[in-house]
Amino acid sequence: MTSPYLPVLIHFLVVVAVTAAILGLSAWVGIKRPSRAKLTPYECGIPPVGDARERFSVSFYLVAMLFILFDVEAVFLYPWAVIFKSLKWFGFLEMLLYIAVLLAGYVYIWKKGALDWKR
């Protein structure tokens, strides 16, 4: 009798083998000519300046968290759009309420100055 997990184990072993083969082949075949320019960190085409461990403003983290918060909340619009026709007016009014709450939160953080970088 074969275990029901045998295909998963085989798949895992094949994945590990292919990964090891690709990494090993890349290390073996790859051309290694290090230079000063190649060893410097790449910063999207901009020459690196300063220390990598410098402190960021709290505003940066606040805006990042607010972006994630509103982005995740916007994801809830997609399932609603898919079943919009079956929800009729009740679903439409509920989504208007949801968007109104989102808009109120956005206006609140805007008025508090959370999105202002020059404070």
N, C-alpha and C. Protein backbone atom coordinates (compact mmCIF):
# COMPACT_ATOMS: atom_id res chain seq x y z
N MET A 1 0.84 -1.18 0.00
CA MET A 1 0.00 0.00 0.00
C MET A 1 0.89 1.25 0.00
N THR A 2 0.56 2.15 -0.89
CA THR A 2 1.32 3.40 -0.92
C THR A 2 0.65 4.43 -0.03
N SER A 3 1.46 5.24 0.53
CA SER A 3 0.96 6.30 1.40
C SER A 3 0.35 7.41 0.54
N PRO A 4 -0.69 8.08 1.02
CA PRO A 4 -1.25 9.18 0.23
C PRO A 4 -0.29 10.37 0.12
N TYR A 5 0.73 10.39 0.95
CA TYR A 5 1.70 11.48 0.91
C TYR A 5 2.90 11.18 0.02
N LEU A 6 2.94 10.01 -0.58
CA LEU A 6 4.07 9.64 -1.43
C LEU A 6 4.22 10.59 -2.62
N PRO A 7 3.15 10.97 -3.33
CA PRO A 7 3.32 11.94 -4.43
C PRO A 7 3.87 13.29 -3.95
N VAL A 8 3.45 13.72 -2.77
CA VAL A 8 3.96 14.99 -2.23
C VAL A 8 5.45 14.87 -1.93
N LEU A 9 5.86 13.74 -1.37
CA LEU A 9 7.27 13.51 -1.08
C LEU A 9 8.09 13.47 -2.36
N ILE A 10 7.58 12.78 -3.38
CA ILE A 10 8.28 12.72 -4.66
C ILE A 10 8.39 14.12 -5.26
N HIS A 11 7.32 14.87 -5.22
CA HIS A 11 7.34 16.25 -5.74
C HIS A 11 8.36 17.09 -5.00
N PHE A 12 8.40 16.99 -3.69
CA PHE A 12 9.36 17.74 -2.88
C PHE A 12 10.79 17.37 -3.26
N LEU A 13 11.06 16.08 -3.43
CA LEU A 13 12.41 15.64 -3.79
C LEU A 13 12.80 16.13 -5.18
N VAL A 14 11.85 16.11 -6.12
CA VAL A 14 12.15 16.60 -7.47
C VAL A 14 12.44 18.10 -7.42
N VAL A 15 11.66 18.86 -6.64
CA VAL A 15 11.89 20.30 -6.53
C VAL A 15 13.26 20.58 -5.94
N VAL A 16 13.63 19.88 -4.89
CA VAL A 16 14.95 20.08 -4.28
C VAL A 16 16.06 19.72 -5.27
N ALA A 17 15.89 18.63 -6.02
CA ALA A 17 16.91 18.21 -6.98
C ALA A 17 17.05 19.23 -8.11
N VAL A 18 15.94 19.71 -8.64
CA VAL A 18 16.00 20.69 -9.73
C VAL A 18 16.62 22.00 -9.24
N THR A 19 16.25 22.43 -8.04
CA THR A 19 16.82 23.65 -7.48
C THR A 19 18.32 23.52 -7.29
N ALA A 20 18.75 22.41 -6.73
CA ALA A 20 20.18 22.18 -6.53
C ALA A 20 20.91 22.12 -7.87
N ALA A 21 20.30 21.49 -8.87
CA ALA A 21 20.93 21.40 -10.19
C ALA A 21 21.07 22.77 -10.83
N ILE A 22 20.03 23.58 -10.75
CA ILE A 22 20.09 24.92 -11.35
C ILE A 22 21.12 25.79 -10.66
N LEU A 23 21.14 25.78 -9.32
CA LEU A 23 22.12 26.59 -8.59
C LEU A 23 23.54 26.10 -8.83
N GLY A 24 23.73 24.78 -8.84
CA GLY A 24 25.06 24.22 -9.09
C GLY A 24 25.55 24.52 -10.49
N LEU A 25 24.66 24.37 -11.49
CA LEU A 25 25.04 24.66 -12.87
C LEU A 25 25.36 26.14 -13.05
N SER A 26 24.60 27.01 -12.41
CA SER A 26 24.85 28.44 -12.50
C SER A 26 26.20 28.79 -11.89
N ALA A 27 26.53 28.20 -10.76
CA ALA A 27 27.82 28.48 -10.11
C ALA A 27 28.98 27.91 -10.91
N TRP A 28 28.75 26.79 -11.58
CA TRP A 28 29.82 26.13 -12.33
C TRP A 28 30.07 26.81 -13.67
N VAL A 29 29.01 27.19 -14.37
CA VAL A 29 29.13 27.73 -15.72
C VAL A 29 29.32 29.24 -15.72
N GLY A 30 28.82 29.91 -14.72
CA GLY A 30 28.84 31.38 -14.70
C GLY A 30 30.24 31.96 -14.74
N ILE A 31 30.37 33.05 -15.48
CA ILE A 31 31.66 33.73 -15.60
C ILE A 31 31.86 34.61 -14.37
N LYS A 32 33.02 34.48 -13.77
CA LYS A 32 33.30 35.24 -12.54
C LYS A 32 34.45 36.20 -12.80
N ARG A 33 34.10 37.46 -13.06
CA ARG A 33 35.11 38.50 -13.22
C ARG A 33 34.70 39.68 -12.35
N PRO A 34 34.92 39.58 -11.04
CA PRO A 34 34.49 40.68 -10.17
C PRO A 34 35.32 41.93 -10.42
N SER A 35 34.64 43.05 -10.38
CA SER A 35 35.31 44.35 -10.48
C SER A 35 34.69 45.26 -9.44
N ARG A 36 35.31 46.41 -9.27
CA ARG A 36 34.80 47.34 -8.27
C ARG A 36 33.38 47.79 -8.61
N ALA A 37 33.11 48.03 -9.88
CA ALA A 37 31.78 48.48 -10.31
C ALA A 37 30.73 47.39 -10.09
N LYS A 38 31.11 46.13 -10.34
CA LYS A 38 30.15 45.04 -10.18
C LYS A 38 29.86 44.74 -8.71
N LEU A 39 30.77 45.04 -7.84
CA LEU A 39 30.60 44.71 -6.43
C LEU A 39 29.89 45.81 -5.64
N THR A 40 29.65 46.97 -6.25
CA THR A 40 28.92 48.03 -5.55
C THR A 40 27.43 47.70 -5.56
N PRO A 41 26.70 48.07 -4.53
CA PRO A 41 25.26 47.78 -4.50
C PRO A 41 24.52 48.55 -5.58
N TYR A 42 23.55 47.91 -6.19
CA TYR A 42 22.76 48.53 -7.25
C TYR A 42 21.54 49.20 -6.64
N GLU A 43 21.35 50.47 -6.95
CA GLU A 43 20.26 51.26 -6.38
C GLU A 43 19.35 51.79 -7.47
N CYS A 44 18.88 50.93 -8.35
CA CYS A 44 17.96 51.33 -9.42
C CYS A 44 18.57 52.39 -10.32
N GLY A 45 19.83 52.28 -10.61
CA GLY A 45 20.47 53.22 -11.51
C GLY A 45 20.98 54.48 -10.85
N ILE A 46 20.69 54.64 -9.57
CA ILE A 46 21.14 55.83 -8.85
C ILE A 46 22.40 55.46 -8.07
N PRO A 47 23.45 56.25 -8.16
CA PRO A 47 24.65 55.94 -7.38
C PRO A 47 24.34 55.94 -5.88
N PRO A 48 24.78 54.92 -5.15
CA PRO A 48 24.49 54.86 -3.72
C PRO A 48 25.19 55.98 -2.95
N VAL A 49 24.44 56.59 -2.03
CA VAL A 49 24.99 57.67 -1.21
C VAL A 49 24.68 57.38 0.25
N GLY A 50 25.58 57.71 1.10
CA GLY A 50 25.34 57.58 2.53
C GLY A 50 25.41 56.15 3.04
N ASP A 51 25.03 56.00 4.27
CA ASP A 51 25.07 54.71 4.94
C ASP A 51 23.74 53.99 4.76
N ALA A 52 23.79 52.69 4.62
CA ALA A 52 22.56 51.91 4.44
C ALA A 52 21.75 51.83 5.73
N ARG A 53 22.36 52.18 6.84
CA ARG A 53 21.69 52.05 8.13
C ARG A 53 21.18 53.40 8.67
N GLU A 54 21.02 54.38 7.78
CA GLU A 54 20.54 55.67 8.27
C GLU A 54 19.06 55.57 8.64
N ARG A 55 18.64 56.41 9.56
CA ARG A 55 17.27 56.36 10.06
C ARG A 55 16.31 57.03 9.09
N PHE A 56 15.11 56.45 9.00
CA PHE A 56 14.05 57.02 8.19
C PHE A 56 13.10 57.79 9.09
N SER A 57 12.41 58.73 8.50
CA SER A 57 11.41 59.48 9.23
C SER A 57 10.23 58.57 9.55
N VAL A 58 9.57 58.85 10.65
CA VAL A 58 8.39 58.08 11.03
C VAL A 58 7.29 58.25 10.00
N SER A 59 7.28 59.38 9.31
CA SER A 59 6.27 59.62 8.28
C SER A 59 6.33 58.57 7.18
N PHE A 60 7.54 58.11 6.86
CA PHE A 60 7.69 57.09 5.84
C PHE A 60 6.94 55.82 6.25
N TYR A 61 7.11 55.37 7.48
CA TYR A 61 6.45 54.17 7.95
C TYR A 61 4.95 54.37 8.08
N LEU A 62 4.54 55.55 8.50
CA LEU A 62 3.12 55.84 8.63
C LEU A 62 2.42 55.79 7.28
N VAL A 63 3.02 56.41 6.28
CA VAL A 63 2.43 56.38 4.94
C VAL A 63 2.43 54.96 4.39
N ALA A 64 3.47 54.20 4.66
CA ALA A 64 3.53 52.82 4.18
C ALA A 64 2.41 51.99 4.82
N MET A 65 2.20 52.14 6.12
CA MET A 65 1.13 51.39 6.79
C MET A 65 -0.24 51.81 6.30
N LEU A 66 -0.43 53.10 6.08
CA LEU A 66 -1.71 53.57 5.57
C LEU A 66 -1.96 53.07 4.15
N PHE A 67 -0.91 53.02 3.35
CA PHE A 67 -1.06 52.48 2.00
C PHE A 67 -1.49 51.02 2.05
N ILE A 68 -0.84 50.23 2.89
CA ILE A 68 -1.20 48.81 3.01
C ILE A 68 -2.63 48.68 3.51
N LEU A 69 -3.00 49.47 4.50
CA LEU A 69 -4.35 49.41 5.05
C LEU A 69 -5.40 49.69 3.98
N PHE A 70 -5.25 50.78 3.25
CA PHE A 70 -6.24 51.12 2.24
C PHE A 70 -6.17 50.20 1.03
N ASP A 71 -5.00 49.66 0.74
CA ASP A 71 -4.86 48.72 -0.36
C ASP A 71 -5.59 47.42 -0.04
N VAL A 72 -5.44 46.92 1.18
CA VAL A 72 -6.12 45.69 1.58
C VAL A 72 -7.62 45.90 1.60
N GLU A 73 -8.06 47.05 2.05
CA GLU A 73 -9.49 47.32 2.06
C GLU A 73 -10.04 47.43 0.65
N ALA A 74 -9.24 47.93 -0.27
CA ALA A 74 -9.70 48.04 -1.66
C ALA A 74 -9.84 46.66 -2.31
N VAL A 75 -9.13 45.66 -1.80
CA VAL A 75 -9.23 44.31 -2.34
C VAL A 75 -10.65 43.76 -2.15
N PHE A 76 -11.35 44.21 -1.14
CA PHE A 76 -12.71 43.74 -0.90
C PHE A 76 -13.69 44.22 -1.97
N LEU A 77 -13.29 45.16 -2.79
CA LEU A 77 -14.17 45.62 -3.87
C LEU A 77 -14.26 44.60 -5.00
N TYR A 78 -13.23 43.78 -5.20
CA TYR A 78 -13.24 42.82 -6.30
C TYR A 78 -14.29 41.73 -6.13
N PRO A 79 -14.38 41.04 -5.00
CA PRO A 79 -15.44 40.03 -4.87
C PRO A 79 -16.83 40.64 -4.98
N TRP A 80 -16.98 41.85 -4.47
CA TRP A 80 -18.27 42.52 -4.58
C TRP A 80 -18.61 42.77 -6.05
N ALA A 81 -17.63 43.19 -6.83
CA ALA A 81 -17.88 43.47 -8.25
C ALA A 81 -18.25 42.20 -9.01
N VAL A 82 -17.70 41.07 -8.58
CA VAL A 82 -18.00 39.82 -9.27
C VAL A 82 -19.45 39.41 -9.05
N ILE A 83 -19.98 39.57 -7.84
CA ILE A 83 -21.35 39.14 -7.55
C ILE A 83 -22.32 40.32 -7.45
N PHE A 84 -21.97 41.42 -8.09
CA PHE A 84 -22.78 42.64 -7.98
C PHE A 84 -24.22 42.43 -8.43
N LYS A 85 -24.43 41.74 -9.55
CA LYS A 85 -25.78 41.59 -10.09
C LYS A 85 -26.68 40.76 -9.17
N SER A 86 -26.11 39.79 -8.48
CA SER A 86 -26.94 38.96 -7.62
C SER A 86 -27.27 39.63 -6.29
N LEU A 87 -26.55 40.68 -5.93
CA LEU A 87 -26.78 41.36 -4.66
C LEU A 87 -27.91 42.39 -4.73
N LYS A 88 -28.21 42.83 -5.92
CA LYS A 88 -29.26 43.83 -6.16
C LYS A 88 -28.97 45.13 -5.40
N TRP A 89 -30.01 45.82 -4.97
CA TRP A 89 -29.86 47.12 -4.32
C TRP A 89 -29.26 47.02 -2.93
N PHE A 90 -29.54 45.92 -2.22
CA PHE A 90 -28.99 45.76 -0.87
C PHE A 90 -27.46 45.74 -0.92
N GLY A 91 -26.91 44.98 -1.84
CA GLY A 91 -25.45 44.91 -1.98
C GLY A 91 -24.85 46.23 -2.40
N PHE A 92 -25.57 46.95 -3.27
CA PHE A 92 -25.10 48.26 -3.71
C PHE A 92 -25.05 49.25 -2.55
N LEU A 93 -26.10 49.26 -1.73
CA LEU A 93 -26.14 50.19 -0.59
C LEU A 93 -25.11 49.81 0.46
N GLU A 94 -24.91 48.52 0.67
CA GLU A 94 -23.89 48.08 1.63
C GLU A 94 -22.50 48.51 1.17
N MET A 95 -22.25 48.41 -0.13
CA MET A 95 -20.93 48.80 -0.63
C MET A 95 -20.77 50.32 -0.59
N LEU A 96 -21.84 51.06 -0.80
CA LEU A 96 -21.77 52.51 -0.63
C LEU A 96 -21.42 52.87 0.81
N LEU A 97 -21.99 52.15 1.77
CA LEU A 97 -21.66 52.37 3.18
C LEU A 97 -20.19 52.04 3.45
N TYR A 98 -19.72 50.93 2.88
CA TYR A 98 -18.32 50.53 3.05
C TYR A 98 -17.38 51.59 2.47
N ILE A 99 -17.69 52.08 1.28
CA ILE A 99 -16.86 53.11 0.65
C ILE A 99 -16.94 54.42 1.43
N ALA A 100 -18.10 54.73 2.01
CA ALA A 100 -18.22 55.94 2.82
C ALA A 100 -17.34 55.86 4.06
N VAL A 101 -17.27 54.68 4.69
CA VAL A 101 -16.40 54.50 5.86
C VAL A 101 -14.93 54.65 5.44
N LEU A 102 -14.56 54.05 4.30
CA LEU A 102 -13.20 54.19 3.80
C LEU A 102 -12.87 55.66 3.51
N LEU A 103 -13.80 56.35 2.87
CA LEU A 103 -13.59 57.75 2.55
C LEU A 103 -13.48 58.60 3.81
N ALA A 104 -14.29 58.29 4.82
CA ALA A 104 -14.20 59.03 6.08
C ALA A 104 -12.83 58.82 6.74
N GLY A 105 -12.33 57.60 6.70
CA GLY A 105 -11.00 57.33 7.25
C GLY A 105 -9.91 58.05 6.48
N TYR A 106 -10.06 58.08 5.16
CA TYR A 106 -9.09 58.77 4.33
C TYR A 106 -9.10 60.28 4.61
N VAL A 107 -10.28 60.85 4.70
CA VAL A 107 -10.39 62.29 4.99
C VAL A 107 -9.82 62.59 6.37
N TYR A 108 -10.07 61.71 7.34
CA TYR A 108 -9.55 61.90 8.70
C TYR A 108 -8.02 61.95 8.71
N ILE A 109 -7.38 60.96 8.05
CA ILE A 109 -5.91 60.96 8.07
C ILE A 109 -5.35 62.10 7.24
N TRP A 110 -6.10 62.54 6.24
CA TRP A 110 -5.66 63.67 5.43
C TRP A 110 -5.71 64.96 6.26
N LYS A 111 -6.80 65.14 7.00
CA LYS A 111 -6.94 66.34 7.83
C LYS A 111 -5.94 66.34 8.99
N LYS A 112 -5.60 65.16 9.51
CA LYS A 112 -4.62 65.07 10.60
C LYS A 112 -3.20 65.34 10.12
N GLY A 113 -3.00 65.35 8.78
CA GLY A 113 -1.66 65.61 8.23
C GLY A 113 -0.78 64.41 8.13
N ALA A 114 -1.36 63.21 8.18
CA ALA A 114 -0.56 62.00 8.13
C ALA A 114 0.08 61.80 6.76
N LEU A 115 -0.49 62.38 5.74
CA LEU A 115 0.05 62.21 4.38
C LEU A 115 0.95 63.36 3.96
N ASP A 116 1.18 64.33 4.84
CA ASP A 116 1.98 65.50 4.54
C ASP A 116 3.45 65.19 4.86
N TRP A 117 4.32 65.23 3.86
CA TRP A 117 5.73 64.92 4.06
C TRP A 117 6.52 66.09 4.62
N LYS A 118 6.00 67.31 4.51
CA LYS A 118 6.79 68.48 4.88
C LYS A 118 6.42 69.04 6.25
N ARG A 119 5.96 68.19 7.16
CA ARG A 119 5.60 68.65 8.50
C ARG A 119 6.84 68.85 9.32
